Amino acid sequence: MSTSAVKSLYRRSLKLSFDWAVHRQLWRGQAVYIRSLFDANKDVRDPRQQQVLLRETEKLLETWKHPDPYHAPTAPGGNKWERNLPAPILPYAQPPGPH
C-alpha cells in the first residue's frame, strides 16, 4: 500500500468526521482518535494485510458517510454561495417618450 493511499484515506477520514461534528472543539477529539487508529497499523508490512486494512477502512468510511455533508459557507453548495452577486449590467436602453 502506497504512502499516498494512506494519506488520502487519512485525510478523507478527517473530512468525514468533520461532517458529523462541525464545531472544531468537538471534532478535535475525533481527529486524535482517528490518528491513533492509523498509528496502530503503521508498522504493518505484509501487502495482503495492508490491502485488507485498506478495504476495511474504505467500507467503514462508506458506512459513516454523512447524508448531508458539511460545505464551507462560501464554497459551491454552501449556504452563502453566490450570495450578493453584483447586479448584471443591462444594455443601454432609450428612455420612453418621443424621440
Protein backbone atom coordinates (compact mmCIF):
# COMPACT_ATOMS: atom_id res chain seq x y z
CA MET A 1 0.00 0.00 0.00
CA SER A 2 1.49 3.31 -1.02
CA THR A 3 2.05 6.19 1.32
CA SER A 4 -0.14 8.42 -0.81
CA ALA A 5 -3.05 5.98 -0.49
CA VAL A 6 -2.73 6.02 3.30
CA LYS A 7 -2.50 9.82 3.35
CA SER A 8 -5.56 10.09 1.15
CA LEU A 9 -7.51 7.69 3.35
CA TYR A 10 -6.45 9.55 6.48
CA ARG A 11 -7.48 12.90 5.01
CA ARG A 12 -10.85 11.53 3.88
CA SER A 13 -11.38 10.11 7.37
CA LEU A 14 -10.75 13.50 8.94
CA LYS A 15 -13.06 15.27 6.49
CA LEU A 16 -15.81 12.72 7.06
CA SER A 17 -15.56 13.10 10.83
CA PHE A 18 -15.85 16.88 10.41
CA ASP A 19 -19.17 16.33 8.58
CA TRP A 20 -20.56 14.86 11.79
CA ALA A 21 -19.04 17.36 14.25
CA VAL A 22 -18.84 20.78 12.64
CA HIS A 23 -17.53 22.56 15.75
CA ARG A 24 -13.77 22.26 15.87
CA GLN A 25 -13.57 21.62 19.63
CA LEU A 26 -15.82 18.55 19.23
CA TRP A 27 -14.03 17.38 16.10
CA ARG A 28 -10.56 17.55 17.67
CA GLY A 29 -11.21 14.54 19.92
CA GLN A 30 -12.37 12.52 16.93
CA ALA A 31 -9.29 13.57 14.95
CA VAL A 32 -6.99 12.38 17.74
CA TYR A 33 -8.83 9.04 17.86
CA ILE A 34 -8.58 8.59 14.08
CA ARG A 35 -4.85 9.35 14.24
CA SER A 36 -4.41 6.70 16.94
CA LEU A 37 -6.12 4.12 14.71
CA PHE A 38 -3.79 4.91 11.82
CA ASP A 39 -0.73 4.91 14.09
CA ALA A 40 -1.70 1.50 15.48
CA ASN A 41 -1.30 0.00 11.99
CA LYS A 42 1.70 1.95 10.74
CA ASP A 43 4.11 -0.99 11.21
CA VAL A 44 2.10 -3.46 9.10
CA ARG A 45 4.42 -4.56 6.26
CA ASP A 46 2.55 -7.51 4.77
CA PRO A 47 0.97 -6.31 1.49
CA ARG A 48 -2.04 -8.61 1.89
CA GLN A 49 -2.72 -7.35 5.40
CA GLN A 50 -2.33 -3.76 4.15
CA GLN A 51 -4.92 -4.38 1.43
CA VAL A 52 -7.30 -5.86 3.99
CA LEU A 53 -6.87 -2.80 6.22
CA LEU A 54 -7.43 -0.51 3.24
CA ARG A 55 -10.64 -2.30 2.20
CA GLU A 56 -11.98 -2.36 5.76
CA THR A 57 -11.32 1.34 6.18
CA GLU A 58 -12.98 2.12 2.83
CA LYS A 59 -16.07 0.15 3.93
CA LEU A 60 -16.09 1.96 7.26
CA LEU A 61 -15.91 5.35 5.53
CA GLU A 62 -18.78 4.37 3.25
CA THR A 63 -20.83 3.27 6.27
CA TRP A 64 -20.21 6.55 8.11
CA LYS A 65 -20.77 8.78 5.08
CA HIS A 66 -22.92 11.75 6.08
CA PRO A 67 -26.20 12.19 4.14
CA ASP A 68 -25.78 15.99 4.12
CA PRO A 69 -22.02 16.71 4.27
CA TYR A 70 -20.68 19.99 5.55
CA HIS A 71 -19.74 22.62 2.97
CA ALA A 72 -17.89 25.80 3.78
CA PRO A 73 -20.44 28.62 3.55
CA THR A 74 -18.79 30.36 0.61
CA ALA A 75 -17.87 27.18 -1.28
CA PRO A 76 -20.09 25.74 -4.03
CA GLY A 77 -23.05 24.16 -2.28
CA GLY A 78 -22.60 26.28 0.86
CA ASN A 79 -25.39 28.46 2.19
CA LYS A 80 -23.63 31.70 1.16
CA TRP A 81 -22.61 30.54 -2.30
CA GLU A 82 -23.36 33.23 -4.88
CA ARG A 83 -24.97 35.48 -2.28
CA ASN A 84 -24.86 39.20 -3.03
CA LEU A 85 -23.67 38.86 -6.58
CA PRO A 86 -23.17 42.16 -8.37
CA ALA A 87 -26.17 43.30 -10.39
CA PRO A 88 -25.98 42.39 -14.06
CA ILE A 89 -25.10 45.19 -16.42
CA LEU A 90 -28.04 45.67 -18.73
CA PRO A 91 -27.66 47.02 -22.22
CA TYR A 92 -28.32 50.75 -22.58
CA ALA A 93 -31.98 51.40 -23.22
CA GLN A 94 -33.64 54.54 -24.55
CA PRO A 95 -35.98 56.17 -22.04
CA PRO A 96 -39.62 56.03 -23.09
CA GLY A 97 -41.03 59.07 -24.80
CA PRO A 98 -40.80 60.97 -28.08
CA HIS A 99 -37.55 60.88 -29.98
